[in-house]
């Protein structure tokens, strides 16, 4: 008997190939609609299946340290603009004092960074995250799901 594919699984597969802005627009756009329809469980299920920048709040420290070797300080400073505090704290906790100082310096000299620049920086970082996850060097341990490698 063939396995039945659910719409939420298909959407999650599609979102894995979308850029960050599109992922965010869809997930955050669907959230109020599904809450109004009394189906917030569908958003939770979708969020369990896709990796978004906010999920770095739940990444393992060793994985974040590995990620920091592959991303530029500039991309990191841009990507962290407007990010959730939990994401910033988790990434900062994986940094040396010198690297954290460099990050703060880079962030302080940036002016007028557009939302599209932030999205592009986050997309570059998530590309590295997904690569490290495939190599089992980074994992996301969301509180509402099991570990995702």
N, C-alpha and C. Protein backbone atom coordinates (compact mmCIF):
# COMPACT_ATOMS: atom_id res chain seq x y z
N UNK A 1 0.84 -1.18 0.00
CA UNK A 1 0.00 0.00 0.00
C UNK A 1 0.89 1.24 0.00
N UNK A 2 0.61 2.19 -0.84
CA UNK A 2 1.42 3.41 -0.97
C UNK A 2 1.22 4.33 0.23
N UNK A 3 2.31 4.97 0.61
CA UNK A 3 2.23 5.93 1.72
C UNK A 3 1.50 7.17 1.25
N UNK A 4 0.60 7.65 2.04
CA UNK A 4 -0.18 8.84 1.71
C UNK A 4 0.61 10.08 2.12
N UNK A 5 0.81 11.00 1.20
CA UNK A 5 1.54 12.22 1.47
C UNK A 5 0.56 13.30 1.90
N UNK A 6 0.92 13.99 2.98
CA UNK A 6 0.06 15.06 3.48
C UNK A 6 0.52 16.39 2.92
N UNK A 7 -0.41 17.32 2.82
CA UNK A 7 -0.12 18.64 2.28
C UNK A 7 0.97 19.37 3.05
N UNK A 8 0.99 19.23 4.37
CA UNK A 8 2.00 19.91 5.19
C UNK A 8 3.39 19.38 4.87
N UNK A 9 3.50 18.08 4.57
CA UNK A 9 4.79 17.49 4.20
C UNK A 9 5.26 18.01 2.84
N UNK A 10 4.33 18.14 1.93
CA UNK A 10 4.66 18.67 0.60
C UNK A 10 5.12 20.12 0.72
N UNK A 11 4.39 20.91 1.50
CA UNK A 11 4.76 22.31 1.70
C UNK A 11 6.15 22.41 2.33
N UNK A 12 6.44 21.59 3.33
CA UNK A 12 7.77 21.60 3.98
C UNK A 12 8.86 21.28 2.97
N UNK A 13 8.62 20.30 2.10
CA UNK A 13 9.60 19.96 1.07
C UNK A 13 9.84 21.13 0.12
N UNK A 14 8.78 21.79 -0.27
CA UNK A 14 8.90 22.94 -1.17
C UNK A 14 9.66 24.08 -0.49
N UNK A 15 9.33 24.35 0.77
CA UNK A 15 9.96 25.46 1.49
C UNK A 15 11.46 25.26 1.67
N UNK A 16 11.93 24.02 1.71
CA UNK A 16 13.36 23.77 1.85
C UNK A 16 14.15 24.33 0.66
N UNK A 17 13.48 24.49 -0.48
CA UNK A 17 14.15 24.99 -1.68
C UNK A 17 13.89 26.46 -1.95
N UNK A 18 13.14 27.11 -1.06
CA UNK A 18 12.83 28.53 -1.21
C UNK A 18 13.89 29.39 -0.52
N UNK A 19 13.97 30.63 -0.96
CA UNK A 19 14.85 31.57 -0.27
C UNK A 19 14.24 31.92 1.09
N UNK A 20 15.06 32.52 1.94
CA UNK A 20 14.65 32.84 3.31
C UNK A 20 13.42 33.74 3.35
N UNK A 21 13.40 34.76 2.51
CA UNK A 21 12.28 35.70 2.52
C UNK A 21 10.98 34.97 2.20
N UNK A 22 11.00 34.11 1.20
CA UNK A 22 9.81 33.37 0.82
C UNK A 22 9.38 32.43 1.95
N UNK A 23 10.35 31.73 2.56
CA UNK A 23 10.02 30.87 3.70
C UNK A 23 9.33 31.66 4.80
N UNK A 24 9.95 32.77 5.17
CA UNK A 24 9.38 33.60 6.24
C UNK A 24 8.00 34.12 5.88
N UNK A 25 7.86 34.62 4.65
CA UNK A 25 6.57 35.15 4.22
C UNK A 25 5.47 34.09 4.32
N UNK A 26 5.79 32.89 3.90
CA UNK A 26 4.79 31.82 3.91
C UNK A 26 4.49 31.37 5.34
N UNK A 27 5.53 31.06 6.10
CA UNK A 27 5.30 30.55 7.47
C UNK A 27 4.63 31.60 8.33
N UNK A 28 5.18 32.83 8.32
CA UNK A 28 4.61 33.87 9.18
C UNK A 28 3.29 34.40 8.62
N UNK A 29 3.06 34.23 7.33
CA UNK A 29 1.77 34.61 6.75
C UNK A 29 0.68 33.60 7.07
N UNK A 30 1.05 32.33 7.11
CA UNK A 30 0.08 31.28 7.43
C UNK A 30 -0.29 31.24 8.91
N UNK A 31 0.63 31.68 9.77
CA UNK A 31 0.42 31.57 11.21
C UNK A 31 -0.89 32.19 11.67
N UNK A 32 -1.17 33.48 11.39
CA UNK A 32 -2.45 34.04 11.87
C UNK A 32 -3.67 33.39 11.24
N UNK A 33 -3.54 32.96 10.01
CA UNK A 33 -4.67 32.31 9.33
C UNK A 33 -5.01 31.00 10.01
N UNK A 34 -3.97 30.19 10.27
CA UNK A 34 -4.21 28.89 10.90
C UNK A 34 -4.61 29.02 12.36
N UNK A 35 -4.13 30.06 13.03
CA UNK A 35 -4.58 30.29 14.40
C UNK A 35 -6.05 30.68 14.43
N UNK A 36 -6.46 31.50 13.46
CA UNK A 36 -7.86 31.89 13.36
C UNK A 36 -8.74 30.67 13.07
N UNK A 37 -8.21 29.75 12.27
CA UNK A 37 -8.94 28.52 11.94
C UNK A 37 -8.82 27.46 13.03
N UNK A 38 -8.17 27.84 14.14
CA UNK A 38 -7.96 26.93 15.27
C UNK A 38 -7.12 25.71 14.86
N UNK A 39 -6.08 25.97 14.02
CA UNK A 39 -5.17 24.90 13.58
C UNK A 39 -3.70 25.29 13.77
N UNK A 40 -3.33 25.84 14.93
CA UNK A 40 -1.92 26.21 15.14
C UNK A 40 -0.99 25.00 15.12
N UNK A 41 -1.56 23.81 15.30
CA UNK A 41 -0.77 22.59 15.25
C UNK A 41 -0.10 22.39 13.89
N UNK A 42 -0.75 22.88 12.83
CA UNK A 42 -0.16 22.74 11.49
C UNK A 42 1.10 23.58 11.34
N UNK A 43 1.11 24.78 11.91
CA UNK A 43 2.31 25.62 11.85
C UNK A 43 3.42 24.97 12.66
N UNK A 44 3.10 24.45 13.84
CA UNK A 44 4.11 23.77 14.65
C UNK A 44 4.70 22.58 13.90
N UNK A 45 3.84 21.84 13.23
CA UNK A 45 4.30 20.68 12.47
C UNK A 45 5.20 21.12 11.30
N UNK A 46 4.82 22.18 10.63
CA UNK A 46 5.61 22.71 9.52
C UNK A 46 6.97 23.19 10.03
N UNK A 47 6.97 23.91 11.16
CA UNK A 47 8.22 24.44 11.72
C UNK A 47 9.16 23.32 12.18
N UNK A 48 8.60 22.15 12.53
CA UNK A 48 9.44 21.02 12.90
C UNK A 48 10.20 20.47 11.71
N UNK A 49 9.67 20.70 10.52
CA UNK A 49 10.24 20.08 9.33
C UNK A 49 11.19 20.99 8.54
N UNK A 50 11.17 22.28 8.80
CA UNK A 50 12.05 23.17 8.04
C UNK A 50 12.99 23.90 8.98
N UNK A 51 14.14 24.27 8.46
CA UNK A 51 15.14 25.00 9.23
C UNK A 51 15.06 26.47 8.83
N UNK A 52 14.90 27.32 9.83
CA UNK A 52 14.85 28.76 9.59
C UNK A 52 15.93 29.42 10.46
N UNK A 53 16.26 30.65 10.17
CA UNK A 53 17.33 31.34 10.88
C UNK A 53 17.08 31.36 12.39
N UNK A 54 15.84 31.54 12.79
CA UNK A 54 15.50 31.57 14.21
C UNK A 54 15.86 30.27 14.93
N UNK A 55 15.95 29.18 14.18
CA UNK A 55 16.27 27.89 14.77
C UNK A 55 17.71 27.81 15.29
N UNK A 56 18.54 28.76 14.89
CA UNK A 56 19.92 28.77 15.40
C UNK A 56 19.96 28.99 16.91
N UNK A 57 18.86 29.43 17.49
CA UNK A 57 18.77 29.56 18.94
C UNK A 57 18.89 28.18 19.60
N UNK A 58 18.62 27.12 18.85
CA UNK A 58 18.62 25.76 19.39
C UNK A 58 19.75 24.90 18.82
N UNK A 59 20.69 25.53 18.14
CA UNK A 59 21.81 24.78 17.56
C UNK A 59 22.83 24.44 18.65
N UNK A 60 23.48 23.32 18.47
CA UNK A 60 24.52 22.92 19.43
C UNK A 60 25.72 23.85 19.31
N UNK A 61 26.38 24.08 20.44
CA UNK A 61 27.49 25.03 20.50
C UNK A 61 28.65 24.59 19.59
N UNK A 62 28.98 23.31 19.61
CA UNK A 62 30.07 22.83 18.75
C UNK A 62 29.73 23.06 17.28
N UNK A 63 28.48 22.89 16.92
CA UNK A 63 28.04 23.13 15.55
C UNK A 63 28.14 24.61 15.18
N UNK A 64 27.74 25.47 16.11
CA UNK A 64 27.85 26.92 15.88
C UNK A 64 29.32 27.31 15.72
N UNK A 65 30.19 26.74 16.56
CA UNK A 65 31.62 27.04 16.44
C UNK A 65 32.15 26.63 15.08
N UNK A 66 31.70 25.49 14.58
CA UNK A 66 32.10 25.05 13.24
C UNK A 66 31.54 26.02 12.19
N UNK A 67 30.30 26.43 12.34
CA UNK A 67 29.68 27.37 11.42
C UNK A 67 30.47 28.67 11.34
N UNK A 68 30.95 29.14 12.49
CA UNK A 68 31.68 30.42 12.53
C UNK A 68 32.96 30.38 11.71
N UNK A 69 33.48 29.19 11.44
CA UNK A 69 34.68 29.06 10.61
C UNK A 69 34.35 29.28 9.13
N UNK A 70 33.07 29.12 8.77
CA UNK A 70 32.67 29.18 7.37
C UNK A 70 31.95 30.46 6.96
N UNK A 71 31.57 31.28 7.92
CA UNK A 71 30.84 32.51 7.59
C UNK A 71 31.68 33.73 7.95
N UNK A 72 31.49 34.79 7.21
CA UNK A 72 32.24 36.01 7.48
C UNK A 72 31.61 36.78 8.64
N UNK A 73 32.43 37.55 9.31
CA UNK A 73 31.94 38.40 10.40
C UNK A 73 30.91 39.38 9.86
N UNK A 74 31.15 39.89 8.65
CA UNK A 74 30.22 40.84 8.06
C UNK A 74 28.85 40.19 7.84
N UNK A 75 28.82 39.00 7.23
CA UNK A 75 27.55 38.30 7.03
C UNK A 75 26.85 38.04 8.35
N UNK A 76 27.63 37.64 9.35
CA UNK A 76 27.05 37.36 10.65
C UNK A 76 26.46 38.62 11.27
N UNK A 77 27.19 39.71 11.20
CA UNK A 77 26.70 40.98 11.77
C UNK A 77 25.42 41.42 11.08
N UNK A 78 25.37 41.29 9.77
CA UNK A 78 24.17 41.67 9.02
C UNK A 78 23.02 40.73 9.36
N UNK A 79 23.28 39.43 9.37
CA UNK A 79 22.23 38.44 9.62
C UNK A 79 21.62 38.58 11.02
N UNK A 80 22.42 39.01 11.97
CA UNK A 80 21.92 39.13 13.34
C UNK A 80 21.12 40.40 13.59
N UNK A 81 21.12 41.30 12.63
CA UNK A 81 20.32 42.53 12.78
C UNK A 81 18.84 42.16 12.85
N UNK A 82 18.21 42.52 13.94
CA UNK A 82 16.79 42.24 14.12
C UNK A 82 16.49 40.79 14.46
N UNK A 83 17.52 39.99 14.70
CA UNK A 83 17.30 38.58 15.03
C UNK A 83 16.78 38.45 16.47
N UNK A 84 16.15 37.34 16.74
CA UNK A 84 15.67 37.07 18.09
C UNK A 84 16.85 37.06 19.05
N UNK A 85 16.62 37.54 20.26
CA UNK A 85 17.67 37.60 21.27
C UNK A 85 18.26 36.22 21.55
N UNK A 86 17.42 35.19 21.52
CA UNK A 86 17.90 33.84 21.79
C UNK A 86 18.89 33.35 20.73
N UNK A 87 18.71 33.80 19.50
CA UNK A 87 19.64 33.45 18.42
C UNK A 87 20.98 34.14 18.69
N UNK A 88 20.92 35.43 18.97
CA UNK A 88 22.14 36.21 19.23
C UNK A 88 22.89 35.61 20.42
N UNK A 89 22.19 35.28 21.49
CA UNK A 89 22.83 34.73 22.68
C UNK A 89 23.50 33.39 22.39
N UNK A 90 22.84 32.53 21.64
CA UNK A 90 23.41 31.22 21.36
C UNK A 90 24.66 31.35 20.50
N UNK A 91 24.61 32.20 19.51
CA UNK A 91 25.79 32.39 18.65
C UNK A 91 26.92 33.05 19.45
N UNK A 92 26.60 34.06 20.23
CA UNK A 92 27.62 34.75 21.03
C UNK A 92 28.28 33.81 22.03
N UNK A 93 27.50 32.88 22.57
CA UNK A 93 28.07 31.95 23.56
C UNK A 93 29.09 30.99 22.94
N UNK A 94 29.06 30.84 21.64
CA UNK A 94 30.00 29.96 20.95
C UNK A 94 31.25 30.69 20.48
N UNK A 95 31.29 32.00 20.67
CA UNK A 95 32.41 32.82 20.17
C UNK A 95 33.46 33.07 21.24
N UNK A 96 34.67 33.29 20.76
CA UNK A 96 35.72 33.76 21.66
C UNK A 96 35.45 35.23 21.96
N UNK A 97 36.08 35.77 22.98
CA UNK A 97 35.91 37.19 23.30
C UNK A 97 36.38 38.07 22.15
N UNK A 98 37.49 37.69 21.53
CA UNK A 98 38.01 38.49 20.40
C UNK A 98 37.04 38.49 19.22
N UNK A 99 36.48 37.34 18.91
CA UNK A 99 35.54 37.26 17.80
C UNK A 99 34.28 38.06 18.11
N UNK A 100 33.82 37.98 19.35
CA UNK A 100 32.63 38.73 19.74
C UNK A 100 32.89 40.23 19.64
N UNK A 101 34.08 40.66 20.03
CA UNK A 101 34.46 42.07 19.91
C UNK A 101 34.47 42.48 18.44
N UNK A 102 35.03 41.63 17.58
CA UNK A 102 35.04 41.91 16.14
C UNK A 102 33.62 42.02 15.59
N UNK A 103 32.73 41.14 16.07
CA UNK A 103 31.34 41.17 15.62
C UNK A 103 30.67 42.48 16.03
N UNK A 104 30.86 42.88 17.28
CA UNK A 104 30.26 44.13 17.76
C UNK A 104 30.82 45.33 16.98
N UNK A 105 32.10 45.32 16.68
CA UNK A 105 32.71 46.40 15.91
C UNK A 105 32.11 46.46 14.51
N UNK A 106 32.00 45.32 13.88
CA UNK A 106 31.43 45.25 12.53
C UNK A 106 29.99 45.75 12.53
N UNK A 107 29.21 45.34 13.52
CA UNK A 107 27.81 45.76 13.61
C UNK A 107 27.71 47.26 13.85
N UNK A 108 28.63 47.82 14.61
CA UNK A 108 28.56 49.25 14.94
C UNK A 108 28.86 50.16 13.76
N UNK A 109 29.59 49.65 12.76
CA UNK A 109 29.94 50.51 11.61
C UNK A 109 28.94 50.38 10.46
N UNK A 110 27.99 49.49 10.59
CA UNK A 110 27.01 49.28 9.52
C UNK A 110 25.90 50.31 9.61
N UNK A 111 25.60 50.88 8.48
CA UNK A 111 24.53 51.88 8.38
C UNK A 111 23.56 51.48 7.27
N UNK A 112 22.30 51.73 7.49
CA UNK A 112 21.27 51.56 6.46
C UNK A 112 21.31 50.20 5.76
N UNK A 113 21.28 49.14 6.54
CA UNK A 113 21.26 47.79 5.97
C UNK A 113 19.81 47.45 5.63
N UNK A 114 19.58 47.06 4.39
CA UNK A 114 18.22 46.77 3.94
C UNK A 114 17.77 45.37 4.38
N UNK A 115 16.47 45.18 4.36
CA UNK A 115 15.91 43.87 4.70
C UNK A 115 16.39 42.80 3.72
N UNK A 116 16.55 43.19 2.45
CA UNK A 116 17.02 42.20 1.47
C UNK A 116 18.46 41.79 1.76
N UNK A 117 19.30 42.73 2.22
CA UNK A 117 20.67 42.38 2.59
C UNK A 117 20.69 41.43 3.79
N UNK A 118 19.80 41.68 4.74
CA UNK A 118 19.69 40.79 5.90
C UNK A 118 19.26 39.40 5.46
N UNK A 119 18.26 39.35 4.58
CA UNK A 119 17.77 38.05 4.08
C UNK A 119 18.86 37.30 3.34
N UNK A 120 19.63 38.00 2.52
CA UNK A 120 20.70 37.34 1.77
C UNK A 120 21.79 36.82 2.70
N UNK A 121 22.15 37.60 3.71
CA UNK A 121 23.16 37.14 4.67
C UNK A 121 22.66 35.91 5.42
N UNK A 122 21.40 35.93 5.82
CA UNK A 122 20.82 34.78 6.52
C UNK A 122 20.78 33.55 5.61
N UNK A 123 20.48 33.78 4.35
CA UNK A 123 20.43 32.68 3.40
C UNK A 123 21.81 32.05 3.23
N UNK A 124 22.85 32.88 3.13
CA UNK A 124 24.22 32.35 3.02
C UNK A 124 24.58 31.53 4.26
N UNK A 125 24.19 32.02 5.42
CA UNK A 125 24.49 31.31 6.66
C UNK A 125 23.72 29.99 6.72
N UNK A 126 22.45 30.02 6.35
CA UNK A 126 21.65 28.79 6.38
C UNK A 126 22.14 27.76 5.37
N UNK A 127 22.73 28.21 4.29
CA UNK A 127 23.32 27.27 3.33
C UNK A 127 24.44 26.50 4.03
N UNK A 128 25.26 27.20 4.78
CA UNK A 128 26.34 26.55 5.54
C UNK A 128 25.76 25.66 6.63
N UNK A 129 24.71 26.12 7.31
CA UNK A 129 24.07 25.33 8.36
C UNK A 129 23.59 24.00 7.79
N UNK A 130 22.91 24.05 6.66
CA UNK A 130 22.38 22.82 6.06
C UNK A 130 23.50 21.87 5.67
N UNK A 131 24.61 22.42 5.16
CA UNK A 131 25.77 21.58 4.83
C UNK A 131 26.34 20.90 6.06
N UNK A 132 26.48 21.66 7.15
CA UNK A 132 26.99 21.09 8.39
C UNK A 132 26.03 20.07 8.98
N UNK A 133 24.74 20.29 8.79
CA UNK A 133 23.76 19.32 9.27
C UNK A 133 23.85 18.01 8.50
N UNK A 134 24.07 18.10 7.19
CA UNK A 134 24.22 16.89 6.37
C UNK A 134 25.43 16.08 6.81
N UNK A 135 26.47 16.80 7.29
CA UNK A 135 27.69 16.14 7.76
C UNK A 135 27.59 15.73 9.23
N UNK A 136 26.43 15.94 9.85
CA UNK A 136 26.19 15.65 11.27
C UNK A 136 27.15 16.41 12.19
N UNK A 137 27.53 17.60 11.79
CA UNK A 137 28.42 18.43 12.60
C UNK A 137 27.64 19.51 13.35
N UNK A 138 26.42 19.75 12.94
CA UNK A 138 25.55 20.72 13.58
C UNK A 138 24.16 20.11 13.65
N UNK A 139 23.50 20.32 14.76
CA UNK A 139 22.12 19.87 14.86
C UNK A 139 21.29 20.93 15.57
N UNK A 140 20.01 20.87 15.32
CA UNK A 140 19.03 21.77 15.92
C UNK A 140 18.20 20.94 16.89
N UNK A 141 18.16 21.36 18.13
CA UNK A 141 17.40 20.64 19.15
C UNK A 141 16.27 21.54 19.64
N UNK A 142 15.22 21.64 18.83
CA UNK A 142 14.08 22.48 19.18
C UNK A 142 13.34 21.89 20.37
N UNK A 143 12.85 22.74 21.27
CA UNK A 143 12.16 22.21 22.44
C UNK A 143 10.86 21.48 22.12
N UNK A 144 10.27 21.77 20.97
CA UNK A 144 9.00 21.14 20.63
C UNK A 144 9.14 19.96 19.68
N UNK A 145 10.37 19.46 19.51
CA UNK A 145 10.57 18.33 18.61
C UNK A 145 11.85 17.61 18.98
N UNK A 146 12.12 16.55 18.26
CA UNK A 146 13.37 15.84 18.49
C UNK A 146 14.50 16.54 17.75
N UNK A 147 15.71 16.07 17.96
CA UNK A 147 16.85 16.69 17.29
C UNK A 147 16.71 16.54 15.79
N UNK A 148 17.13 17.59 15.09
CA UNK A 148 17.11 17.58 13.62
C UNK A 148 18.54 17.68 13.15
N UNK A 149 18.99 16.72 12.35
CA UNK A 149 20.34 16.74 11.80
C UNK A 149 20.28 17.08 10.33
